[in-house]
Every structure is written in C-alpha cells, then in structure tokens.
Amino acid sequence: MIKVKKVELVKTVFDKKELLFDKRKKVVFAGRSNVGKSTLINTMLNRKKLAKTSSTPGKTRSINYYLINDKFYFVDLPGYGYAKVSKKEKEKWNNLLKEFFYFEKYVILLSLIIDSKVGITEYDTRMLSTAAYFNLPTLIIANKIDKIKKNMIEKRVNEIERELEIPVLPFSSKDGRGKRELWHTIENSLQE
C-alpha cells in the first residue's frame, strides 16, 4: 500500500481556462452529489478535513487537484445530479467536465463512486459512457457499504457487477473496508 507522506491541495478549478495540464498521472473520483466522494478521498489519504465534506448535496462545485507525495494526483470532480442547482450552473459544470476529459491525457483510473444502497443512477450511466468514449480504465466503488446488512453485501455487489459488467469494489469510510484494495488498484494503475 502506498504510504501517503505528503498531500497538498494544489489547485481548485471553477473555469475551464484554469484546468491544470500537468503530465503527472491522475486518479479521478467522480460520483453524484452526496455519494461520499470527499469522505472517501479523506479516508484514502488519512486526513479528516482535506476534501471538504458536507451534509448538503452539491458542495464540491470545482475540480480539486490533490498532489500525493509530489508524484501523482487525486482529482475530485464536482458531484453531479444535484437538483437544486440552476440550469446555468449545471451547464457550467458540464462544460468544465467536458473540457477536463477532452484535454486531460494523464488519467490512469476513473473511480466512479456509487451509493451501494441506491445503485446505478442515470447520471452514473452517463459518466460511464463518458469514460468509455475516452477509453478510461474505470473502477466502480460501491460506497457506504456499511449501511447494508452484512449478509446482503455480496449479493448487492454481485447485482451491480452483473448490471454493469465492470468490477465493483465495496467500500466503507466508516470501517475502512476496501481501502487496501483501492490502494492496490491505484498502485497497479500507476505502474502501467
């Protein structure tokens, strides 16, 4: 497992003109609003408040670049699917994401975080289509697995895997389940 010695929020981007075009490899985290992206990132990096968390959906409205050990980035994308955002704001986010995926050539893994209880939403399906279009290696992370009865976890993960035909990693920020496996996947991606 990668030992996180140094983490730095290098850039927060609200506009496509501000995108960071650095040749370091990038692990991208995407998911709908309130799916627990920021909490998952904090868990992976052993930090409590690096990525801003909130009980209010739509908190992450920017692309945030976290430099890990001066070697690679975690990139936190804005949460999608939040209904209480204006049409203009949604359009701005969509354009920002389009520009990011179109011009970013160093994405080694797209980690698509879904709520294990909710499953795949229409917005997640769109993100998967984007990943397929840009030929991005993708991992589905079934987050908040601790909210499902223990005897139902494997069944739920298998259902999602069958639906998507993509490997699914069960994850819980609460008890750390999946953290080691996610780091292992990231390490393998960094070596390719």
C-alpha atoms as a PDB file:
ATOM      1  CA  MET A   1       0.000   0.000   0.000  1.00  0.00           C
ATOM      2  CA  ILE A   2       1.279   3.462  -0.885  1.00  0.00           C
ATOM      3  CA  LYS A   3       2.401   5.379   2.177  1.00  0.00           C
ATOM      4  CA  VAL A   4       0.948   8.892   1.980  1.00  0.00           C
ATOM      5  CA  LYS A   5       3.687  11.152   3.289  1.00  0.00           C
ATOM      6  CA  LYS A   6       2.612  14.419   1.729  1.00  0.00           C
ATOM      7  CA  VAL A   7      -0.713  15.707   0.405  1.00  0.00           C
ATOM      8  CA  GLU A   8      -1.371  19.149  -0.941  1.00  0.00           C
ATOM      9  CA  LEU A   9      -4.435  20.784  -2.481  1.00  0.00           C
ATOM     10  CA  VAL A  10      -2.647  22.268  -5.471  1.00  0.00           C
ATOM     11  CA  LYS A  11      -5.490  23.783  -7.420  1.00  0.00           C
ATOM     12  CA  THR A  12      -9.224  24.403  -7.271  1.00  0.00           C
ATOM     13  CA  VAL A  13     -10.722  24.967 -10.707  1.00  0.00           C
ATOM     14  CA  PHE A  14     -14.093  26.586 -11.432  1.00  0.00           C
ATOM     15  CA  ASP A  15     -13.424  27.546 -15.051  1.00  0.00           C
ATOM     16  CA  LYS A  16     -12.044  25.546 -17.966  1.00  0.00           C
ATOM     17  CA  LYS A  17      -9.332  28.168 -18.522  1.00  0.00           C
ATOM     18  CA  GLU A  18      -7.884  27.211 -15.121  1.00  0.00           C
ATOM     19  CA  LEU A  19      -7.524  23.455 -15.768  1.00  0.00           C
ATOM     20  CA  LEU A  20      -4.206  22.011 -14.632  1.00  0.00           C
ATOM     21  CA  PHE A  21      -2.330  20.403 -17.505  1.00  0.00           C
ATOM     22  CA  ASP A  22       0.437  18.659 -15.644  1.00  0.00           C
ATOM     23  CA  LYS A  23       1.999  15.472 -17.011  1.00  0.00           C
ATOM     24  CA  ARG A  24       1.729  13.673 -13.669  1.00  0.00           C
ATOM     25  CA  LYS A  25      -0.675  10.736 -13.584  1.00  0.00           C
ATOM     26  CA  LYS A  26      -4.181  11.344 -12.247  1.00  0.00           C
ATOM     27  CA  VAL A  27      -6.668   9.178 -10.373  1.00  0.00           C
ATOM     28  CA  VAL A  28     -10.080  10.763 -10.882  1.00  0.00           C
ATOM     29  CA  PHE A  29     -13.009  10.450  -8.461  1.00  0.00           C
ATOM     30  CA  ALA A  30     -16.494  11.011  -9.859  1.00  0.00           C
ATOM     31  CA  GLY A  31     -19.975  10.459  -8.497  1.00  0.00           C
ATOM     32  CA  ARG A  32     -23.324  12.033  -7.870  1.00  0.00           C
ATOM     33  CA  SER A  33     -23.792  14.666  -5.178  1.00  0.00           C
ATOM     34  CA  ASN A  34     -23.858  13.338  -1.632  1.00  0.00           C
ATOM     35  CA  VAL A  35     -22.376   9.948  -2.558  1.00  0.00           C
ATOM     36  CA  GLY A  36     -19.444  10.430  -0.157  1.00  0.00           C
ATOM     37  CA  LYS A  37     -16.637  11.328  -2.590  1.00  0.00           C
ATOM     38  CA  SER A  38     -14.906  13.797  -0.291  1.00  0.00           C
ATOM     39  CA  THR A  39     -15.152  11.480   2.714  1.00  0.00           C
ATOM     40  CA  LEU A  40     -13.721   8.613   0.640  1.00  0.00           C
ATOM     41  CA  ILE A  41     -10.806  10.810  -0.505  1.00  0.00           C
ATOM     42  CA  ASN A  42     -10.142  11.874   3.101  1.00  0.00           C
ATOM     43  CA  THR A  43     -10.215   8.215   4.174  1.00  0.00           C
ATOM     44  CA  MET A  44      -7.770   7.198   1.441  1.00  0.00           C
ATOM     45  CA  LEU A  45      -5.375   9.999   2.381  1.00  0.00           C
ATOM     46  CA  ASN A  46      -5.713   9.551   6.179  1.00  0.00           C
ATOM     47  CA  ARG A  47      -6.932  13.118   6.544  1.00  0.00           C
ATOM     48  CA  LYS A  48     -10.108  14.297   8.250  1.00  0.00           C
ATOM     49  CA  LYS A  49     -10.792  17.609   6.543  1.00  0.00           C
ATOM     50  CA  LEU A  50      -8.640  17.839   3.418  1.00  0.00           C
ATOM     51  CA  ALA A  51     -11.517  17.379   0.966  1.00  0.00           C
ATOM     52  CA  LYS A  52     -14.465  19.452   2.165  1.00  0.00           C
ATOM     53  CA  THR A  53     -17.423  17.364   3.282  1.00  0.00           C
ATOM     54  CA  SER A  54     -20.982  18.475   3.902  1.00  0.00           C
ATOM     55  CA  SER A  55     -24.398  17.011   4.585  1.00  0.00           C
ATOM     56  CA  THR A  56     -25.635  19.434   1.921  1.00  0.00           C
ATOM     57  CA  PRO A  57     -25.502  17.943  -1.584  1.00  0.00           C
ATOM     58  CA  GLY A  58     -23.621  19.869  -4.276  1.00  0.00           C
ATOM     59  CA  LYS A  59     -20.796  21.043  -2.001  1.00  0.00           C
ATOM     60  CA  THR A  60     -17.995  20.201  -4.451  1.00  0.00           C
ATOM     61  CA  ARG A  61     -18.536  22.672  -7.265  1.00  0.00           C
ATOM     62  CA  SER A  62     -14.997  22.697  -8.586  1.00  0.00           C
ATOM     63  CA  ILE A  63     -12.354  20.295  -9.845  1.00  0.00           C
ATOM     64  CA  ASN A  64      -9.885  19.855  -6.992  1.00  0.00           C
ATOM     65  CA  TYR A  65      -6.353  18.587  -7.597  1.00  0.00           C
ATOM     66  CA  TYR A  66      -4.617  16.899  -4.648  1.00  0.00           C
ATOM     67  CA  LEU A  67      -0.917  16.182  -5.197  1.00  0.00           C
ATOM     68  CA  ILE A  68       0.179  12.984  -3.432  1.00  0.00           C
ATOM     69  CA  ASN A  69       3.848  12.561  -2.415  1.00  0.00           C
ATOM     70  CA  ASP A  70       4.788  15.034  -5.207  1.00  0.00           C
ATOM     71  CA  LYS A  71       4.186  12.170  -7.674  1.00  0.00           C
ATOM     72  CA  PHE A  72       0.548  11.869  -8.772  1.00  0.00           C
ATOM     73  CA  TYR A  73      -2.860  13.492  -8.313  1.00  0.00           C
ATOM     74  CA  PHE A  74      -6.201  12.608  -6.871  1.00  0.00           C
ATOM     75  CA  VAL A  75      -8.707  14.679  -8.847  1.00  0.00           C
ATOM     76  CA  ASP A  76     -12.085  15.302  -7.207  1.00  0.00           C
ATOM     77  CA  LEU A  77     -14.739  16.197  -9.778  1.00  0.00           C
ATOM     78  CA  PRO A  78     -17.920  18.158  -8.979  1.00  0.00           C
ATOM     79  CA  GLY A  79     -20.782  15.941  -7.826  1.00  0.00           C
ATOM     80  CA  TYR A  80     -23.467  15.581 -10.471  1.00  0.00           C
ATOM     81  CA  GLY A  81     -27.219  15.096 -10.385  1.00  0.00           C
ATOM     82  CA  TYR A  82     -27.961  17.707  -7.733  1.00  0.00           C
ATOM     83  CA  ALA A  83     -31.451  19.054  -8.471  1.00  0.00           C
ATOM     84  CA  LYS A  84     -31.276  22.359  -6.585  1.00  0.00           C
ATOM     85  CA  VAL A  85     -28.609  23.864  -8.816  1.00  0.00           C
ATOM     86  CA  SER A  86     -29.610  26.318 -11.525  1.00  0.00           C
ATOM     87  CA  LYS A  87     -29.633  25.190 -15.138  1.00  0.00           C
ATOM     88  CA  LYS A  88     -26.850  27.695 -15.860  1.00  0.00           C
ATOM     89  CA  GLU A  89     -24.695  26.241 -13.062  1.00  0.00           C
ATOM     90  CA  LYS A  90     -25.278  22.669 -14.296  1.00  0.00           C
ATOM     91  CA  GLU A  91     -24.310  23.720 -17.807  1.00  0.00           C
ATOM     92  CA  LYS A  92     -21.133  25.333 -16.472  1.00  0.00           C
ATOM     93  CA  TRP A  93     -20.205  22.103 -14.612  1.00  0.00           C
ATOM     94  CA  ASN A  94     -20.930  20.008 -17.716  1.00  0.00           C
ATOM     95  CA  ASN A  95     -18.717  22.222 -19.881  1.00  0.00           C
ATOM     96  CA  LEU A  96     -15.946  22.093 -17.279  1.00  0.00           C
ATOM     97  CA  LEU A  97     -16.098  18.284 -17.180  1.00  0.00           C
ATOM     98  CA  LYS A  98     -16.181  18.007 -20.982  1.00  0.00           C
ATOM     99  CA  GLU A  99     -13.059  20.172 -21.243  1.00  0.00           C
ATOM    100  CA  PHE A 100     -11.340  18.182 -18.497  1.00  0.00           C
ATOM    101  CA  PHE A 101     -11.935  14.817 -20.169  1.00  0.00           C
ATOM    102  CA  TYR A 102     -11.244  16.112 -23.662  1.00  0.00           C
ATOM    103  CA  PHE A 103      -7.863  17.675 -22.861  1.00  0.00           C
ATOM    104  CA  GLU A 104      -6.607  15.596 -19.933  1.00  0.00           C
ATOM    105  CA  LYS A 105      -4.304  12.862 -21.260  1.00  0.00           C
ATOM    106  CA  TYR A 106      -2.934  11.520 -17.961  1.00  0.00           C
ATOM    107  CA  VAL A 107      -5.960   9.910 -16.314  1.00  0.00           C
ATOM    108  CA  ILE A 108      -4.873   6.405 -15.272  1.00  0.00           C
ATOM    109  CA  LEU A 109      -8.062   5.475 -13.411  1.00  0.00           C
ATOM    110  CA  LEU A 110     -11.600   6.801 -13.170  1.00  0.00           C
ATOM    111  CA  SER A 111     -13.076   5.782  -9.819  1.00  0.00           C
ATOM    112  CA  LEU A 112     -16.833   6.080 -10.179  1.00  0.00           C
ATOM    113  CA  ILE A 113     -18.385   6.173  -6.725  1.00  0.00           C
ATOM    114  CA  ILE A 114     -21.949   4.994  -6.349  1.00  0.00           C
ATOM    115  CA  ASP A 115     -24.148   4.626  -3.284  1.00  0.00           C
ATOM    116  CA  SER A 116     -24.352   0.881  -2.621  1.00  0.00           C
ATOM    117  CA  LYS A 117     -27.968   1.189  -1.447  1.00  0.00           C
ATOM    118  CA  VAL A 118     -29.128   3.370  -4.354  1.00  0.00           C
ATOM    119  CA  GLY A 119     -27.185   1.600  -7.104  1.00  0.00           C
ATOM    120  CA  ILE A 120     -26.515   2.977 -10.581  1.00  0.00           C
ATOM    121  CA  THR A 121     -28.355   6.165 -11.492  1.00  0.00           C
ATOM    122  CA  GLU A 122     -28.970   7.694 -14.898  1.00  0.00           C
ATOM    123  CA  TYR A 123     -26.158  10.171 -14.144  1.00  0.00           C
ATOM    124  CA  ASP A 124     -23.726   7.343 -13.323  1.00  0.00           C
ATOM    125  CA  THR A 125     -24.611   5.701 -16.641  1.00  0.00           C
ATOM    126  CA  ARG A 126     -23.751   8.953 -18.433  1.00  0.00           C
ATOM    127  CA  MET A 127     -20.399   9.132 -16.621  1.00  0.00           C
ATOM    128  CA  LEU A 128     -19.689   5.524 -17.665  1.00  0.00           C
ATOM    129  CA  SER A 129     -20.466   6.475 -21.280  1.00  0.00           C
ATOM    130  CA  THR A 130     -18.004   9.363 -20.988  1.00  0.00           C
ATOM    131  CA  ALA A 131     -15.365   7.005 -19.582  1.00  0.00           C
ATOM    132  CA  ALA A 132     -15.962   4.547 -22.429  1.00  0.00           C
ATOM    133  CA  TYR A 133     -15.807   7.329 -25.034  1.00  0.00           C
ATOM    134  CA  PHE A 134     -12.418   8.479 -23.726  1.00  0.00           C
ATOM    135  CA  ASN A 135     -11.268   4.882 -23.178  1.00  0.00           C
ATOM    136  CA  LEU A 136     -10.576   5.439 -19.466  1.00  0.00           C
ATOM    137  CA  PRO A 137      -9.841   2.495 -17.170  1.00  0.00           C
ATOM    138  CA  THR A 138     -12.797   2.541 -14.776  1.00  0.00           C
ATOM    139  CA  LEU A 139     -13.452   1.102 -11.337  1.00  0.00           C
ATOM    140  CA  ILE A 140     -16.884   1.201  -9.721  1.00  0.00           C
ATOM    141  CA  ILE A 141     -16.753   1.830  -5.984  1.00  0.00           C
ATOM    142  CA  ALA A 142     -19.896   0.797  -4.091  1.00  0.00           C
ATOM    143  CA  ASN A 143     -19.627   3.284  -1.239  1.00  0.00           C
ATOM    144  CA  LYS A 144     -21.386   3.321   2.152  1.00  0.00           C
ATOM    145  CA  ILE A 145     -21.394  -0.486   2.201  1.00  0.00           C
ATOM    146  CA  ASP A 146     -21.664  -0.295   5.998  1.00  0.00           C
ATOM    147  CA  LYS A 147     -25.289   0.825   5.551  1.00  0.00           C
ATOM    148  CA  ILE A 148     -26.251  -2.565   4.095  1.00  0.00           C
ATOM    149  CA  LYS A 149     -26.848  -5.664   6.213  1.00  0.00           C
ATOM    150  CA  LYS A 150     -23.686  -7.787   6.274  1.00  0.00           C
ATOM    151  CA  ASN A 151     -25.386 -10.830   4.764  1.00  0.00           C
ATOM    152  CA  MET A 152     -26.627  -8.703   1.813  1.00  0.00           C
ATOM    153  CA  ILE A 153     -23.333  -7.001   0.819  1.00  0.00           C
ATOM    154  CA  GLU A 154     -22.017  -9.705  -1.506  1.00  0.00           C
ATOM    155  CA  LYS A 155     -25.419 -10.079  -3.177  1.00  0.00           C
ATOM    156  CA  ARG A 156     -25.671  -6.304  -3.728  1.00  0.00           C
ATOM    157  CA  VAL A 157     -22.143  -6.055  -5.172  1.00  0.00           C
ATOM    158  CA  ASN A 158     -22.832  -9.007  -7.495  1.00  0.00           C
ATOM    159  CA  GLU A 159     -26.059  -7.362  -8.723  1.00  0.00           C
ATOM    160  CA  ILE A 160     -24.209  -4.156  -9.617  1.00  0.00           C
ATOM    161  CA  GLU A 161     -21.386  -6.102 -11.316  1.00  0.00           C
ATOM    162  CA  ARG A 162     -23.892  -8.073 -13.410  1.00  0.00           C
ATOM    163  CA  GLU A 163     -25.696  -4.885 -14.387  1.00  0.00           C
ATOM    164  CA  LEU A 164     -22.539  -3.046 -15.458  1.00  0.00           C
ATOM    165  CA  GLU A 165     -20.157  -5.840 -16.423  1.00  0.00           C
ATOM    166  CA  ILE A 166     -17.388  -3.917 -14.621  1.00  0.00           C
ATOM    167  CA  PRO A 167     -15.612  -4.903 -11.383  1.00  0.00           C
ATOM    168  CA  VAL A 168     -17.152  -3.343  -8.270  1.00  0.00           C
ATOM    169  CA  LEU A 169     -15.193  -2.593  -5.117  1.00  0.00           C
ATOM    170  CA  PRO A 170     -17.204  -2.458  -1.854  1.00  0.00           C
ATOM    171  CA  PHE A 171     -16.028   0.492   0.271  1.00  0.00           C
ATOM    172  CA  SER A 172     -16.765   1.995   3.661  1.00  0.00           C
ATOM    173  CA  SER A 173     -15.131   5.114   5.058  1.00  0.00           C
ATOM    174  CA  LYS A 174     -16.658   4.199   8.398  1.00  0.00           C
ATOM    175  CA  ASP A 175     -14.805   0.906   8.887  1.00  0.00           C
ATOM    176  CA  GLY A 176     -12.077   1.194   6.219  1.00  0.00           C
ATOM    177  CA  ARG A 177     -13.345  -1.715   4.131  1.00  0.00           C
ATOM    178  CA  GLY A 178     -11.998  -1.541   0.585  1.00  0.00           C
ATOM    179  CA  LYS A 179      -9.251   0.977   1.362  1.00  0.00           C
ATOM    180  CA  ARG A 180      -6.384  -1.506   0.952  1.00  0.00           C
ATOM    181  CA  GLU A 181      -7.924  -2.902  -2.261  1.00  0.00           C
ATOM    182  CA  LEU A 182      -8.403   0.572  -3.722  1.00  0.00           C
ATOM    183  CA  TRP A 183      -4.773   1.489  -2.971  1.00  0.00           C
ATOM    184  CA  HIS A 184      -3.718  -1.786  -4.620  1.00  0.00           C
ATOM    185  CA  THR A 185      -5.711  -0.887  -7.761  1.00  0.00           C
ATOM    186  CA  ILE A 186      -4.192   2.619  -7.785  1.00  0.00           C
ATOM    187  CA  GLU A 187      -0.652   1.215  -7.378  1.00  0.00           C
ATOM    188  CA  ASN A 188      -1.195  -1.152 -10.300  1.00  0.00           C
ATOM    189  CA  SER A 189      -2.547   1.717 -12.434  1.00  0.00           C
ATOM    190  CA  LEU A 190       0.464   3.879 -11.592  1.00  0.00           C
ATOM    191  CA  GLN A 191       2.823   1.127 -12.737  1.00  0.00           C
ATOM    192  CA  GLU A 192       1.167   0.585 -16.134  1.00  0.00           C
END
